[in-house]
């Protein structure tokens, strides 16, 4: 089993929902996030989190799925970022983590 995590700016949340539906993710959760960038941390992606005190609203999606499903979603996210130009401005960030034990 894998934990799938996707971070998206607010404007792309519907696109992420479509990706999850297209890749047949049967169940997932999402929550709103208000992100900030400190003055000390300056990533290569300048628009991911706002540099001032206002921050930016984004959405965190997560789901536990089999590895095959998670790989399909990760590939779809890569394609989305490349084809929409999001990778240059505000890319979707997707992560896969192993689930060691489930009770």
PDB file of N, CA and C in Angstrom:
ATOM      1  N   UNK A   1       0.843  -1.179   0.000  1.00  0.00           N
ATOM      2  CA  UNK A   1       0.000   0.000   0.000  1.00  0.00           C
ATOM      3  C   UNK A   1       0.892   1.247   0.000  1.00  0.00           C
ATOM      4  N   UNK A   2       0.361   2.288  -0.578  1.00  0.00           N
ATOM      5  CA  UNK A   2       1.078   3.558  -0.688  1.00  0.00           C
ATOM      6  C   UNK A   2       0.173   4.692  -0.216  1.00  0.00           C
ATOM      7  N   UNK A   3       0.806   5.691   0.382  1.00  0.00           N
ATOM      8  CA  UNK A   3       0.116   6.926   0.727  1.00  0.00           C
ATOM      9  C   UNK A   3       0.402   7.910  -0.400  1.00  0.00           C
ATOM     10  N   UNK A   4      -0.637   8.363  -1.048  1.00  0.00           N
ATOM     11  CA  UNK A   4      -0.535   9.349  -2.122  1.00  0.00           C
ATOM     12  C   UNK A   4      -0.854  10.714  -1.545  1.00  0.00           C
ATOM     13  N   UNK A   5       0.025  11.679  -1.784  1.00  0.00           N
ATOM     14  CA  UNK A   5      -0.176  13.053  -1.322  1.00  0.00           C
ATOM     15  C   UNK A   5      -0.025  13.975  -2.524  1.00  0.00           C
ATOM     16  N   UNK A   6      -0.979  14.878  -2.699  1.00  0.00           N
ATOM     17  CA  UNK A   6      -0.896  15.878  -3.770  1.00  0.00           C
ATOM     18  C   UNK A   6      -1.165  17.243  -3.163  1.00  0.00           C
ATOM     19  N   UNK A   7      -0.284  18.194  -3.451  1.00  0.00           N
ATOM     20  CA  UNK A   7      -0.464  19.589  -3.048  1.00  0.00           C
ATOM     21  C   UNK A   7      -0.759  20.417  -4.284  1.00  0.00           C
ATOM     22  N   UNK A   8      -1.770  21.264  -4.182  1.00  0.00           N
ATOM     23  CA  UNK A   8      -2.211  22.062  -5.327  1.00  0.00           C
ATOM     24  C   UNK A   8      -2.610  23.446  -4.858  1.00  0.00           C
ATOM     25  N   UNK A   9      -2.302  24.456  -5.659  1.00  0.00           N
ATOM     26  CA  UNK A   9      -2.860  25.760  -5.342  1.00  0.00           C
ATOM     27  C   UNK A   9      -4.366  25.678  -5.539  1.00  0.00           C
ATOM     28  N   UNK A  10      -5.075  26.575  -4.900  1.00  0.00           N
ATOM     29  CA  UNK A  10      -6.536  26.544  -4.891  1.00  0.00           C
ATOM     30  C   UNK A  10      -7.132  26.496  -6.306  1.00  0.00           C
ATOM     31  N   UNK A  11      -6.522  27.210  -7.221  1.00  0.00           N
ATOM     32  CA  UNK A  11      -7.056  27.306  -8.577  1.00  0.00           C
ATOM     33  C   UNK A  11      -7.036  25.971  -9.334  1.00  0.00           C
ATOM     34  N   UNK A  12      -6.196  25.023  -8.918  1.00  0.00           N
ATOM     35  CA  UNK A  12      -6.075  23.746  -9.621  1.00  0.00           C
ATOM     36  C   UNK A  12      -6.798  22.600  -8.922  1.00  0.00           C
ATOM     37  N   UNK A  13      -7.553  22.874  -7.871  1.00  0.00           N
ATOM     38  CA  UNK A  13      -8.168  21.780  -7.118  1.00  0.00           C
ATOM     39  C   UNK A  13      -9.132  20.959  -7.967  1.00  0.00           C
ATOM     40  N   UNK A  14      -9.914  21.596  -8.820  1.00  0.00           N
ATOM     41  CA  UNK A  14     -10.829  20.843  -9.679  1.00  0.00           C
ATOM     42  C   UNK A  14     -10.066  19.947 -10.649  1.00  0.00           C
ATOM     43  N   UNK A  15      -8.914  20.410 -11.111  1.00  0.00           N
ATOM     44  CA  UNK A  15      -8.088  19.600 -12.005  1.00  0.00           C
ATOM     45  C   UNK A  15      -7.572  18.351 -11.279  1.00  0.00           C
ATOM     46  N   UNK A  16      -7.178  18.506 -10.034  1.00  0.00           N
ATOM     47  CA  UNK A  16      -6.712  17.346  -9.264  1.00  0.00           C
ATOM     48  C   UNK A  16      -7.864  16.366  -9.057  1.00  0.00           C
ATOM     49  N   UNK A  17      -9.026  16.871  -8.742  1.00  0.00           N
ATOM     50  CA  UNK A  17     -10.197  15.991  -8.587  1.00  0.00           C
ATOM     51  C   UNK A  17     -10.454  15.191  -9.867  1.00  0.00           C
ATOM     52  N   UNK A  18     -10.297  15.848 -11.014  1.00  0.00           N
ATOM     53  CA  UNK A  18     -10.489  15.159 -12.297  1.00  0.00           C
ATOM     54  C   UNK A  18      -9.426  14.080 -12.504  1.00  0.00           C
ATOM     55  N   UNK A  19      -8.185  14.396 -12.160  1.00  0.00           N
ATOM     56  CA  UNK A  19      -7.104  13.410 -12.276  1.00  0.00           C
ATOM     57  C   UNK A  19      -7.413  12.188 -11.418  1.00  0.00           C
ATOM     58  N   UNK A  20      -7.830  12.418 -10.187  1.00  0.00           N
ATOM     59  CA  UNK A  20      -8.136  11.300  -9.292  1.00  0.00           C
ATOM     60  C   UNK A  20      -9.290  10.463  -9.830  1.00  0.00           C
ATOM     61  N   UNK A  21     -10.298  11.117 -10.391  1.00  0.00           N
ATOM     62  CA  UNK A  21     -11.432  10.390 -10.968  1.00  0.00           C
ATOM     63  C   UNK A  21     -11.004   9.609 -12.217  1.00  0.00           C
ATOM     64  N   UNK A  22     -10.224  10.252 -13.091  1.00  0.00           N
ATOM     65  CA  UNK A  22      -9.784   9.596 -14.322  1.00  0.00           C
ATOM     66  C   UNK A  22      -8.914   8.375 -14.028  1.00  0.00           C
ATOM     67  N   UNK A  23      -8.133   8.447 -12.965  1.00  0.00           N
ATOM     68  CA  UNK A  23      -7.249   7.330 -12.610  1.00  0.00           C
ATOM     69  C   UNK A  23      -7.925   6.352 -11.656  1.00  0.00           C
ATOM     70  N   UNK A  24      -9.228   6.523 -11.490  1.00  0.00           N
ATOM     71  CA  UNK A  24     -10.068   5.600 -10.723  1.00  0.00           C
ATOM     72  C   UNK A  24      -9.625   5.424  -9.272  1.00  0.00           C
ATOM     73  N   UNK A  25      -9.276   6.547  -8.637  1.00  0.00           N
ATOM     74  CA  UNK A  25      -9.007   6.524  -7.206  1.00  0.00           C
ATOM     75  C   UNK A  25     -10.370   6.484  -6.524  1.00  0.00           C
ATOM     76  N   UNK A  26     -10.707   5.391  -5.846  1.00  0.00           N
ATOM     77  CA  UNK A  26     -12.067   5.218  -5.349  1.00  0.00           C
ATOM     78  C   UNK A  26     -12.424   6.098  -4.156  1.00  0.00           C
ATOM     79  N   UNK A  27     -11.421   6.482  -3.374  1.00  0.00           N
ATOM     80  CA  UNK A  27     -11.697   7.302  -2.192  1.00  0.00           C
ATOM     81  C   UNK A  27     -10.444   8.116  -1.859  1.00  0.00           C
ATOM     82  N   UNK A  28     -10.658   9.360  -1.486  1.00  0.00           N
ATOM     83  CA  UNK A  28      -9.550  10.228  -1.080  1.00  0.00           C
ATOM     84  C   UNK A  28     -10.098  11.288  -0.143  1.00  0.00           C
ATOM     85  N   UNK A  29      -9.202  11.989   0.500  1.00  0.00           N
ATOM     86  CA  UNK A  29      -9.570  13.101   1.373  1.00  0.00           C
ATOM     87  C   UNK A  29      -8.865  14.351   0.883  1.00  0.00           C
ATOM     88  N   UNK A  30      -9.430  15.483   1.211  1.00  0.00           N
ATOM     89  CA  UNK A  30      -8.781  16.752   0.892  1.00  0.00           C
ATOM     90  C   UNK A  30      -9.032  17.738   2.019  1.00  0.00           C
ATOM     91  N   UNK A  31      -8.085  18.638   2.176  1.00  0.00           N
ATOM     92  CA  UNK A  31      -8.212  19.665   3.204  1.00  0.00           C
ATOM     93  C   UNK A  31      -7.551  20.948   2.713  1.00  0.00           C
ATOM     94  N   UNK A  32      -8.050  22.073   3.155  1.00  0.00           N
ATOM     95  CA  UNK A  32      -7.482  23.366   2.778  1.00  0.00           C
ATOM     96  C   UNK A  32      -6.225  23.638   3.586  1.00  0.00           C
ATOM     97  N   UNK A  33      -5.265  24.270   2.942  1.00  0.00           N
ATOM     98  CA  UNK A  33      -3.983  24.616   3.562  1.00  0.00           C
ATOM     99  C   UNK A  33      -3.702  26.080   3.252  1.00  0.00           C
ATOM    100  N   UNK A  34      -3.171  26.790   4.222  1.00  0.00           N
ATOM    101  CA  UNK A  34      -2.757  28.176   4.017  1.00  0.00           C
ATOM    102  C   UNK A  34      -1.244  28.192   4.170  1.00  0.00           C
ATOM    103  N   UNK A  35      -0.519  28.277   3.048  1.00  0.00           N
ATOM    104  CA  UNK A  35       0.936  28.146   3.055  1.00  0.00           C
ATOM    105  C   UNK A  35       1.655  29.477   3.031  1.00  0.00           C
ATOM    106  N   UNK A  36       2.845  29.459   3.634  1.00  0.00           N
ATOM    107  CA  UNK A  36       3.702  30.634   3.700  1.00  0.00           C
ATOM    108  C   UNK A  36       5.125  30.247   3.355  1.00  0.00           C
ATOM    109  N   UNK A  37       5.883  31.194   2.868  1.00  0.00           N
ATOM    110  CA  UNK A  37       7.307  31.023   2.624  1.00  0.00           C
ATOM    111  C   UNK A  37       8.039  31.976   3.555  1.00  0.00           C
ATOM    112  N   UNK A  38       9.034  31.455   4.242  1.00  0.00           N
ATOM    113  CA  UNK A  38       9.835  32.332   5.085  1.00  0.00           C
ATOM    114  C   UNK A  38      10.872  33.031   4.215  1.00  0.00           C
ATOM    115  N   UNK A  39      11.419  34.113   4.703  1.00  0.00           N
ATOM    116  CA  UNK A  39      12.434  34.844   3.956  1.00  0.00           C
ATOM    117  C   UNK A  39      13.700  34.043   3.756  1.00  0.00           C
ATOM    118  N   UNK A  40      13.946  33.067   4.628  1.00  0.00           N
ATOM    119  CA  UNK A  40      15.168  32.268   4.551  1.00  0.00           C
ATOM    120  C   UNK A  40      15.108  31.209   3.463  1.00  0.00           C
ATOM    121  N   UNK A  41      13.913  30.760   3.138  1.00  0.00           N
ATOM    122  CA  UNK A  41      13.767  29.683   2.157  1.00  0.00           C
ATOM    123  C   UNK A  41      13.272  30.262   0.844  1.00  0.00           C
ATOM    124  N   UNK A  42      14.057  30.126  -0.193  1.00  0.00           N
ATOM    125  CA  UNK A  42      13.691  30.644  -1.507  1.00  0.00           C
ATOM    126  C   UNK A  42      13.859  29.534  -2.541  1.00  0.00           C
ATOM    127  N   UNK A  43      12.813  28.744  -2.776  1.00  0.00           N
ATOM    128  CA  UNK A  43      12.920  27.646  -3.745  1.00  0.00           C
ATOM    129  C   UNK A  43      13.013  28.174  -5.168  1.00  0.00           C
ATOM    130  N   UNK A  44      13.372  27.288  -6.082  1.00  0.00           N
ATOM    131  CA  UNK A  44      13.454  27.653  -7.498  1.00  0.00           C
ATOM    132  C   UNK A  44      12.094  28.044  -8.052  1.00  0.00           C
ATOM    133  N   UNK A  45      11.034  27.521  -7.474  1.00  0.00           N
ATOM    134  CA  UNK A  45       9.676  27.815  -7.945  1.00  0.00           C
ATOM    135  C   UNK A  45       9.179  29.025  -7.162  1.00  0.00           C
ATOM    136  N   UNK A  46       9.262  30.176  -7.742  1.00  0.00           N
ATOM    137  CA  UNK A  46       9.002  31.415  -7.016  1.00  0.00           C
ATOM    138  C   UNK A  46       7.551  31.639  -6.669  1.00  0.00           C
ATOM    139  N   UNK A  47       6.624  31.003  -7.358  1.00  0.00           N
ATOM    140  CA  UNK A  47       5.215  31.290  -7.122  1.00  0.00           C
ATOM    141  C   UNK A  47       4.488  30.267  -6.267  1.00  0.00           C
ATOM    142  N   UNK A  48       5.194  29.251  -5.768  1.00  0.00           N
ATOM    143  CA  UNK A  48       4.465  28.202  -5.041  1.00  0.00           C
ATOM    144  C   UNK A  48       3.786  28.762  -3.795  1.00  0.00           C
ATOM    145  N   UNK A  49       4.503  29.429  -2.926  1.00  0.00           N
ATOM    146  CA  UNK A  49       3.894  30.098  -1.779  1.00  0.00           C
ATOM    147  C   UNK A  49       4.277  31.568  -1.834  1.00  0.00           C
ATOM    148  N   UNK A  50       3.347  32.407  -1.498  1.00  0.00           N
ATOM    149  CA  UNK A  50       3.581  33.848  -1.544  1.00  0.00           C
ATOM    150  C   UNK A  50       4.711  34.232  -0.599  1.00  0.00           C
ATOM    151  N   UNK A  51       5.442  35.270  -0.953  1.00  0.00           N
ATOM    152  CA  UNK A  51       6.577  35.687  -0.159  1.00  0.00           C
ATOM    153  C   UNK A  51       6.222  36.665   0.941  1.00  0.00           C
ATOM    154  N   UNK A  52       4.992  37.120   1.011  1.00  0.00           N
ATOM    155  CA  UNK A  52       4.637  38.097   2.033  1.00  0.00           C
ATOM    156  C   UNK A  52       3.806  37.444   3.131  1.00  0.00           C
ATOM    157  N   UNK A  53       3.240  38.268   4.002  1.00  0.00           N
ATOM    158  CA  UNK A  53       2.481  37.763   5.147  1.00  0.00           C
ATOM    159  C   UNK A  53       1.110  37.212   4.778  1.00  0.00           C
ATOM    160  N   UNK A  54       0.672  37.404   3.543  1.00  0.00           N
ATOM    161  CA  UNK A  54      -0.669  36.982   3.163  1.00  0.00           C
ATOM    162  C   UNK A  54      -0.767  35.486   2.854  1.00  0.00           C
ATOM    163  N   UNK A  55       0.315  34.881   2.429  1.00  0.00           N
ATOM    164  CA  UNK A  55       0.295  33.463   2.104  1.00  0.00           C
ATOM    165  C   UNK A  55      -0.549  33.171   0.888  1.00  0.00           C
ATOM    166  N   UNK A  56      -0.781  31.896   0.666  1.00  0.00           N
ATOM    167  CA  UNK A  56      -1.587  31.471  -0.468  1.00  0.00           C
ATOM    168  C   UNK A  56      -2.408  30.256  -0.046  1.00  0.00           C
ATOM    169  N   UNK A  57      -3.612  30.191  -0.550  1.00  0.00           N
ATOM    170  CA  UNK A  57      -4.481  29.065  -0.228  1.00  0.00           C
ATOM    171  C   UNK A  57      -4.212  27.928  -1.202  1.00  0.00           C
ATOM    172  N   UNK A  58      -4.126  26.732  -0.649  1.00  0.00           N
ATOM    173  CA  UNK A  58      -3.907  25.548  -1.464  1.00  0.00           C
ATOM    174  C   UNK A  58      -4.694  24.393  -0.857  1.00  0.00           C
ATOM    175  N   UNK A  59      -4.620  23.252  -1.523  1.00  0.00           N
ATOM    176  CA  UNK A  59      -5.359  22.078  -1.088  1.00  0.00           C
ATOM    177  C   UNK A  59      -4.412  20.895  -0.988  1.00  0.00           C
ATOM    178  N   UNK A  60      -4.568  20.132   0.068  1.00  0.00           N
ATOM    179  CA  UNK A  60      -3.813  18.904   0.277  1.00  0.00           C
ATOM    180  C   UNK A  60      -4.763  17.731   0.066  1.00  0.00           C
ATOM    181  N   UNK A  61      -4.421  16.854  -0.879  1.00  0.00           N
ATOM    182  CA  UNK A  61      -5.186  15.645  -1.155  1.00  0.00           C
ATOM    183  C   UNK A  61      -4.378  14.462  -0.639  1.00  0.00           C
ATOM    184  N   UNK A  62      -5.047  13.461  -0.080  1.00  0.00           N
ATOM    185  CA  UNK A  62      -4.329  12.256   0.309  1.00  0.00           C
ATOM    186  C   UNK A  62      -5.235  11.044   0.234  1.00  0.00           C
ATOM    187  N   UNK A  63      -4.599   9.897  -0.044  1.00  0.00           N
ATOM    188  CA  UNK A  63      -5.323   8.646  -0.188  1.00  0.00           C
ATOM    189  C   UNK A  63      -4.342   7.495  -0.014  1.00  0.00           C
ATOM    190  N   UNK A  64      -4.815   6.395   0.527  1.00  0.00           N
ATOM    191  CA  UNK A  64      -4.013   5.176   0.606  1.00  0.00           C
ATOM    192  C   UNK A  64      -4.552   4.215  -0.447  1.00  0.00           C
ATOM    193  N   UNK A  65      -3.671   3.833  -1.380  1.00  0.00           N
ATOM    194  CA  UNK A  65      -4.060   3.001  -2.516  1.00  0.00           C
ATOM    195  C   UNK A  65      -2.963   1.987  -2.803  1.00  0.00           C
ATOM    196  N   UNK A  66      -3.255   1.054  -3.699  1.00  0.00           N
ATOM    197  CA  UNK A  66      -2.215   0.111  -4.115  1.00  0.00           C
ATOM    198  C   UNK A  66      -1.190   0.853  -4.965  1.00  0.00           C
ATOM    199  N   UNK A  67      -0.003   0.284  -5.073  1.00  0.00           N
ATOM    200  CA  UNK A  67       1.093   0.933  -5.777  1.00  0.00           C
ATOM    201  C   UNK A  67       0.814   1.244  -7.226  1.00  0.00           C
ATOM    202  N   UNK A  68       0.088   0.368  -7.895  1.00  0.00           N
ATOM    203  CA  UNK A  68      -0.236   0.579  -9.315  1.00  0.00           C
ATOM    204  C   UNK A  68      -1.097   1.827  -9.512  1.00  0.00           C
ATOM    205  N   UNK A  69      -2.090   1.989  -8.671  1.00  0.00           N
ATOM    206  CA  UNK A  69      -2.968   3.158  -8.744  1.00  0.00           C
ATOM    207  C   UNK A  69      -2.172   4.442  -8.501  1.00  0.00           C
ATOM    208  N   UNK A  70      -1.324   4.412  -7.487  1.00  0.00           N
ATOM    209  CA  UNK A  70      -0.531   5.598  -7.150  1.00  0.00           C
ATOM    210  C   UNK A  70       0.407   5.957  -8.300  1.00  0.00           C
ATOM    211  N   UNK A  71       1.022   4.971  -8.920  1.00  0.00           N
ATOM    212  CA  UNK A  71       1.920   5.240 -10.049  1.00  0.00           C
ATOM    213  C   UNK A  71       1.168   5.889 -11.213  1.00  0.00           C
ATOM    214  N   UNK A  72      -0.046   5.433 -11.479  1.00  0.00           N
ATOM    215  CA  UNK A  72      -0.855   6.043 -12.551  1.00  0.00           C
ATOM    216  C   UNK A  72      -1.118   7.517 -12.251  1.00  0.00           C
ATOM    217  N   UNK A  73      -1.452   7.818 -11.003  1.00  0.00           N
ATOM    218  CA  UNK A  73      -1.732   9.207 -10.617  1.00  0.00           C
ATOM    219  C   UNK A  73      -0.468  10.049 -10.743  1.00  0.00           C
ATOM    220  N   UNK A  74       0.664   9.538 -10.266  1.00  0.00           N
ATOM    221  CA  UNK A  74       1.917  10.296 -10.363  1.00  0.00           C
ATOM    222  C   UNK A  74       2.257  10.614 -11.819  1.00  0.00           C
ATOM    223  N   UNK A  75       2.076   9.651 -12.703  1.00  0.00           N
ATOM    224  CA  UNK A  75       2.332   9.886 -14.127  1.00  0.00           C
ATOM    225  C   UNK A  75       1.380  10.931 -14.692  1.00  0.00           C
ATOM    226  N   UNK A  76       0.129  10.868 -14.285  1.00  0.00           N
ATOM    227  CA  UNK A  76      -0.858  11.852 -14.755  1.00  0.00           C
ATOM    228  C   UNK A  76      -0.506  13.251 -14.251  1.00  0.00           C
ATOM    229  N   UNK A  77      -0.016  13.356 -13.026  1.00  0.00           N
ATOM    230  CA  UNK A  77       0.397  14.657 -12.481  1.00  0.00           C
ATOM    231  C   UNK A  77       1.586  15.203 -13.271  1.00  0.00           C
ATOM    232  N   UNK A  78       2.553  14.351 -13.593  1.00  0.00           N
ATOM    233  CA  UNK A  78       3.700  14.789 -14.403  1.00  0.00           C
ATOM    234  C   UNK A  78       3.227  15.323 -15.751  1.00  0.00           C
ATOM    235  N   UNK A  79       2.333  14.584 -16.372  1.00  0.00           N
ATOM    236  CA  UNK A  79       1.788  14.998 -17.671  1.00  0.00           C
ATOM    237  C   UNK A  79       1.047  16.322 -17.543  1.00  0.00           C
ATOM    238  N   UNK A  80       0.228  16.439 -16.521  1.00  0.00           N
ATOM    239  CA  UNK A  80      -0.530  17.672 -16.289  1.00  0.00           C
ATOM    240  C   UNK A  80       0.423  18.867 -16.165  1.00  0.00           C
ATOM    241  N   UNK A  81       1.439  18.742 -15.338  1.00  0.00           N
ATOM    242  CA  UNK A  81       2.381  19.850 -15.134  1.00  0.00           C
ATOM    243  C   UNK A  81       3.079  20.236 -16.426  1.00  0.00           C
ATOM    244  N   UNK A  82       3.469  19.233 -17.199  1.00  0.00           N
ATOM    245  CA  UNK A  82       4.179  19.487 -18.457  1.00  0.00           C
ATOM    246  C   UNK A  82       3.252  20.121 -19.503  1.00  0.00           C
ATOM    247  N   UNK A  83       2.069  19.562 -19.667  1.00  0.00           N
ATOM    248  CA  UNK A  83       1.176  20.019 -20.737  1.00  0.00           C
ATOM    249  C   UNK A  83       0.493  21.345 -20.444  1.00  0.00           C
ATOM    250  N   UNK A  84       0.278  21.679 -19.187  1.00  0.00           N
ATOM    251  CA  UNK A  84      -0.400  22.927 -18.856  1.00  0.00           C
ATOM    252  C   UNK A  84       0.568  24.069 -18.593  1.00  0.00           C
ATOM    253  N   UNK A  85       1.848  23.758 -18.513  1.00  0.00           N
ATOM    254  CA  UNK A  85       2.829  24.781 -18.163  1.00  0.00           C
ATOM    255  C   UNK A  85       2.884  25.047 -16.676  1.00  0.00           C
ATOM    256  N   UNK A  86       2.140  24.273 -15.912  1.00  0.00           N
ATOM    257  CA  UNK A  86       2.106  24.473 -14.457  1.00  0.00           C
ATOM    258  C   UNK A  86       3.479  24.263 -13.831  1.00  0.00           C
ATOM    259  N   UNK A  87       4.309  23.413 -14.443  1.00  0.00           N
ATOM    260  CA  UNK A  87       5.613  23.135 -13.857  1.00  0.00           C
ATOM    261  C   UNK A  87       6.485  24.390 -13.788  1.00  0.00           C
ATOM    262  N   UNK A  88       6.176  25.388 -14.603  1.00  0.00           N
ATOM    263  CA  UNK A  88       6.936  26.628 -14.580  1.00  0.00           C
ATOM    264  C   UNK A  88       6.430  27.619 -13.546  1.00  0.00           C
ATOM    265  N   UNK A  89       5.149  27.580 -13.231  1.00  0.00           N
ATOM    266  CA  UNK A  89       4.559  28.564 -12.326  1.00  0.00           C
ATOM    267  C   UNK A  89       4.174  27.968 -10.981  1.00  0.00           C
ATOM    268  N   UNK A  90       3.168  27.122 -10.977  1.00  0.00           N
ATOM    269  CA  UNK A  90       2.633  26.534  -9.748  1.00  0.00           C
ATOM    270  C   UNK A  90       2.328  25.064  -9.975  1.00  0.00           C
ATOM    271  N   UNK A  91       3.349  24.238 -10.021  1.00  0.00           N
ATOM    272  CA  UNK A  91       3.105  22.834 -10.345  1.00  0.00           C
ATOM    273  C   UNK A  91       2.334  22.119  -9.244  1.00  0.00           C
ATOM    274  N   UNK A  92       1.644  21.064  -9.652  1.00  0.00           N
ATOM    275  CA  UNK A  92       1.107  20.144  -8.659  1.00  0.00           C
ATOM    276  C   UNK A  92       2.299  19.403  -8.076  1.00  0.00           C
ATOM    277  N   UNK A  93       2.301  19.207  -6.780  1.00  0.00           N
ATOM    278  CA  UNK A  93       3.348  18.444  -6.111  1.00  0.00           C
ATOM    279  C   UNK A  93       2.716  17.137  -5.658  1.00  0.00           C
ATOM    280  N   UNK A  94       3.286  16.007  -6.088  1.00  0.00           N
ATOM    281  CA  UNK A  94       2.717  14.710  -5.738  1.00  0.00           C
ATOM    282  C   UNK A  94       3.804  13.836  -5.130  1.00  0.00           C
ATOM    283  N   UNK A  95       3.428  13.075  -4.114  1.00  0.00           N
ATOM    284  CA  UNK A  95       4.366  12.232  -3.381  1.00  0.00           C
ATOM    285  C   UNK A  95       3.745  10.870  -3.135  1.00  0.00           C
ATOM    286  N   UNK A  96       4.599   9.875  -3.071  1.00  0.00           N
ATOM    287  CA  UNK A  96       4.188   8.516  -2.751  1.00  0.00           C
ATOM    288  C   UNK A  96       5.052   8.044  -1.587  1.00  0.00           C
ATOM    289  N   UNK A  97       4.406   7.565  -0.531  1.00  0.00           N
ATOM    290  CA  UNK A  97       5.122   7.047   0.625  1.00  0.00           C
ATOM    291  C   UNK A  97       4.637   5.635   0.921  1.00  0.00           C
ATOM    292  N   UNK A  98       5.564   4.768   1.290  1.00  0.00           N
ATOM    293  CA  UNK A  98       5.189   3.408   1.666  1.00  0.00           C
ATOM    294  C   UNK A  98       4.412   3.424   2.967  1.00  0.00           C
ATOM    295  N   UNK A  99       3.377   2.608   3.029  1.00  0.00           N
ATOM    296  CA  UNK A  99       2.629   2.413   4.262  1.00  0.00           C
ATOM    297  C   UNK A  99       3.184   1.124   4.886  1.00  0.00           C
ATOM    298  N   UNK A 100       3.858   1.267   5.998  1.00  0.00           N
ATOM    299  CA  UNK A 100       4.509   0.128   6.641  1.00  0.00           C
ATOM    300  C   UNK A 100       3.520  -0.829   7.271  1.00  0.00           C
ATOM    301  N   UNK A 101       2.494  -0.310   7.919  1.00  0.00           N
ATOM    302  CA  UNK A 101       1.566  -1.165   8.613  1.00  0.00           C
ATOM    303  C   UNK A 101       0.211  -0.485   8.673  1.00  0.00           C
ATOM    304  N   UNK A 102      -0.812  -1.245   8.488  1.00  0.00           N
ATOM    305  CA  UNK A 102      -2.175  -0.719   8.605  1.00  0.00           C
ATOM    306  C   UNK A 102      -2.940  -1.607   9.564  1.00  0.00           C
ATOM    307  N   UNK A 103      -3.699  -0.998  10.445  1.00  0.00           N
ATOM    308  CA  UNK A 103      -4.481  -1.750  11.436  1.00  0.00           C
ATOM    309  C   UNK A 103      -5.953  -1.458  11.238  1.00  0.00           C
TER     310      UNK A 103
END
